Protein backbone atom coordinates (compact mmCIF):
# COMPACT_ATOMS: atom_id res chain seq x y z
CA UNK A 1 0.00 0.00 0.00
CA UNK A 2 1.27 3.43 -0.93
CA UNK A 3 -0.37 6.57 0.50
CA UNK A 4 0.41 10.00 -0.86
CA UNK A 5 -0.85 13.24 0.65
CA UNK A 6 -1.35 15.79 -2.10
CA UNK A 7 -2.39 18.57 0.29
CA UNK A 8 -3.56 19.03 3.87
CA UNK A 9 -7.02 17.91 2.79
CA UNK A 10 -6.51 15.41 -0.04
CA UNK A 11 -4.80 12.01 -0.10
CA UNK A 12 -4.64 9.15 -2.59
CA UNK A 13 -3.68 5.52 -2.12
CA UNK A 14 -2.60 2.63 -4.31
CA UNK A 15 -3.04 -0.90 -2.99
CA UNK A 16 -1.64 -4.00 -4.66
CA UNK A 17 -2.73 -7.28 -3.11
CA UNK A 18 -0.91 -10.48 -4.08
CA UNK A 19 -2.11 -13.56 -2.27
CA UNK A 20 -2.91 -17.20 -2.86
CA UNK A 21 -5.77 -17.08 -0.34
CA UNK A 22 -7.71 -13.98 -1.43
CA UNK A 23 -8.09 -12.64 -4.98
CA UNK A 24 -5.08 -10.61 -6.06
CA UNK A 25 -5.67 -7.16 -7.44
CA UNK A 26 -5.16 -3.42 -7.46
CA UNK A 27 -7.28 -0.71 -5.83
CA UNK A 28 -7.09 3.05 -6.15
CA UNK A 29 -8.44 5.17 -3.31
CA UNK A 30 -8.95 8.83 -2.60
CA UNK A 31 -9.81 10.74 0.59
CA UNK A 32 -10.81 14.36 1.02
CA UNK A 33 -11.30 16.03 4.41
CA UNK A 34 -12.86 19.48 4.35
CA UNK A 35 -12.27 22.56 6.46
CA UNK A 36 -15.57 22.92 8.34
CA UNK A 37 -14.90 22.19 12.02
CA UNK A 38 -17.31 21.71 14.93
CA UNK A 39 -14.66 20.41 17.29
CA UNK A 40 -10.87 20.28 17.50
CA UNK A 41 -10.55 16.69 16.22
CA UNK A 42 -13.09 16.62 13.41
CA UNK A 43 -13.45 18.29 10.03
CA UNK A 44 -16.20 17.97 7.43
CA UNK A 45 -17.12 17.05 4.74
CA UNK A 46 -15.28 13.74 4.46
CA UNK A 47 -15.26 11.98 1.09
CA UNK A 48 -13.79 8.47 0.82
CA UNK A 49 -13.72 6.22 -2.19
CA UNK A 50 -11.89 3.36 -3.81
CA UNK A 51 -12.18 1.54 -7.12
CA UNK A 52 -10.62 -1.49 -8.74
CA UNK A 53 -10.01 -2.22 -12.45
CA UNK A 54 -13.21 -4.31 -12.64
CA UNK A 55 -15.29 -1.22 -11.89
CA UNK A 56 -16.13 -2.13 -8.30
CA UNK A 57 -16.55 1.11 -6.38
CA UNK A 58 -17.11 2.00 -2.72
CA UNK A 59 -17.93 5.61 -1.86
CA UNK A 60 -18.70 7.37 1.44
CA UNK A 61 -19.63 10.97 2.15
CA UNK A 62 -19.94 12.17 5.74
CA UNK A 63 -21.00 15.75 6.40
CA UNK A 64 -21.87 17.61 9.60
CA UNK A 65 -24.59 20.07 8.58
CA UNK A 66 -24.63 21.85 11.94
CA UNK A 67 -23.85 20.99 15.56
CA UNK A 68 -26.87 18.69 15.79
CA UNK A 69 -27.14 16.98 12.39
CA UNK A 70 -24.67 14.66 10.70
CA UNK A 71 -25.44 12.97 7.37
CA UNK A 72 -23.83 9.98 5.74
CA UNK A 73 -24.09 8.64 2.19
CA UNK A 74 -22.75 5.20 1.25
CA UNK A 75 -22.78 3.69 -2.21
CA UNK A 76 -21.43 0.44 -3.60
CA UNK A 77 -21.13 -0.43 -7.27
CA UNK A 78 -20.22 -3.97 -8.31
CA UNK A 79 -19.70 -4.92 -11.96
CA UNK A 80 -21.01 -1.49 -13.03
CA UNK A 81 -24.34 -2.00 -11.20
CA UNK A 82 -25.34 0.08 -8.20
CA UNK A 83 -25.84 -2.53 -5.49
CA UNK A 84 -26.28 -0.35 -2.41
CA UNK A 85 -27.21 3.22 -1.58
CA UNK A 86 -27.50 4.13 2.10
CA UNK A 87 -28.42 7.61 3.26
CA UNK A 88 -28.56 8.21 6.99
CA UNK A 89 -28.70 11.14 9.33
CA UNK A 90 -27.95 11.43 12.99
CA UNK A 91 -29.67 14.09 15.08
CA UNK A 92 -28.77 14.81 18.67
CA UNK A 93 -29.61 17.62 21.02
CA UNK A 94 -28.61 18.91 24.43
CA UNK A 95 -30.62 16.28 26.34
CA UNK A 96 -28.73 13.50 24.52
CA UNK A 97 -31.65 12.02 22.61
CA UNK A 98 -30.51 10.56 19.34
CA UNK A 99 -32.62 9.90 16.27
CA UNK A 100 -30.91 7.84 13.63
CA UNK A 101 -32.75 7.38 10.34
CA UNK A 102 -31.49 5.38 7.43
CA UNK A 103 -32.84 5.13 3.92
CA UNK A 104 -31.44 2.07 2.23
CA UNK A 105 -31.79 1.16 -1.42
CA UNK A 106 -30.58 -2.29 -2.37
CA UNK A 107 -30.52 -3.95 -5.71
CA UNK A 108 -31.32 -7.65 -5.45
CA UNK A 109 -28.84 -9.34 -7.84
CA UNK A 110 -31.17 -12.31 -8.45
CA UNK A 111 -34.17 -10.38 -9.80
CA UNK A 112 -32.60 -6.93 -10.34
CA UNK A 113 -35.35 -5.24 -8.31
CA UNK A 114 -34.75 -2.36 -5.95
CA UNK A 115 -35.67 -2.79 -2.33
CA UNK A 116 -36.18 0.29 -0.20
CA UNK A 117 -36.15 0.49 3.57
CA UNK A 118 -36.59 3.40 5.92
CA UNK A 119 -35.22 2.59 9.35
CA UNK A 120 -35.83 4.78 12.40
CA UNK A 121 -34.41 4.14 15.81
CA UNK A 122 -34.51 6.40 18.85
CA UNK A 123 -31.87 5.94 21.50
CA UNK A 124 -32.10 7.65 24.88
CA UNK A 125 -28.69 8.60 26.22
CA UNK A 126 -30.33 10.56 29.03
CA UNK A 127 -28.31 12.04 31.85
CA UNK A 128 -28.12 9.94 35.01
């Protein structure tokens, strides 16, 4: 694996895997970290992606819209077909209640139909 930082915010990677156990291959990856900060150890937006010569792609976007809302987008493409799209947001407020919603779109490889799910979960991290 070779990582190369092109700037303070952008980095690329080259990965060459040679193995008799797992499939050998090459992957190219890129990472971008933005300048918007809500805390000393985090910066947004974050864009991550990697691709191989077969056209298999993984992509992630994480963005903090404000102090209370963080969004995440995940996509996976295999053999030039979009297999997964996941959009989620995380909302939290001063009383530590968290609402996490996910909208998931999956492509079923057997019948090529899209399946959609909306998932809500509320977690109470209340103060003791």
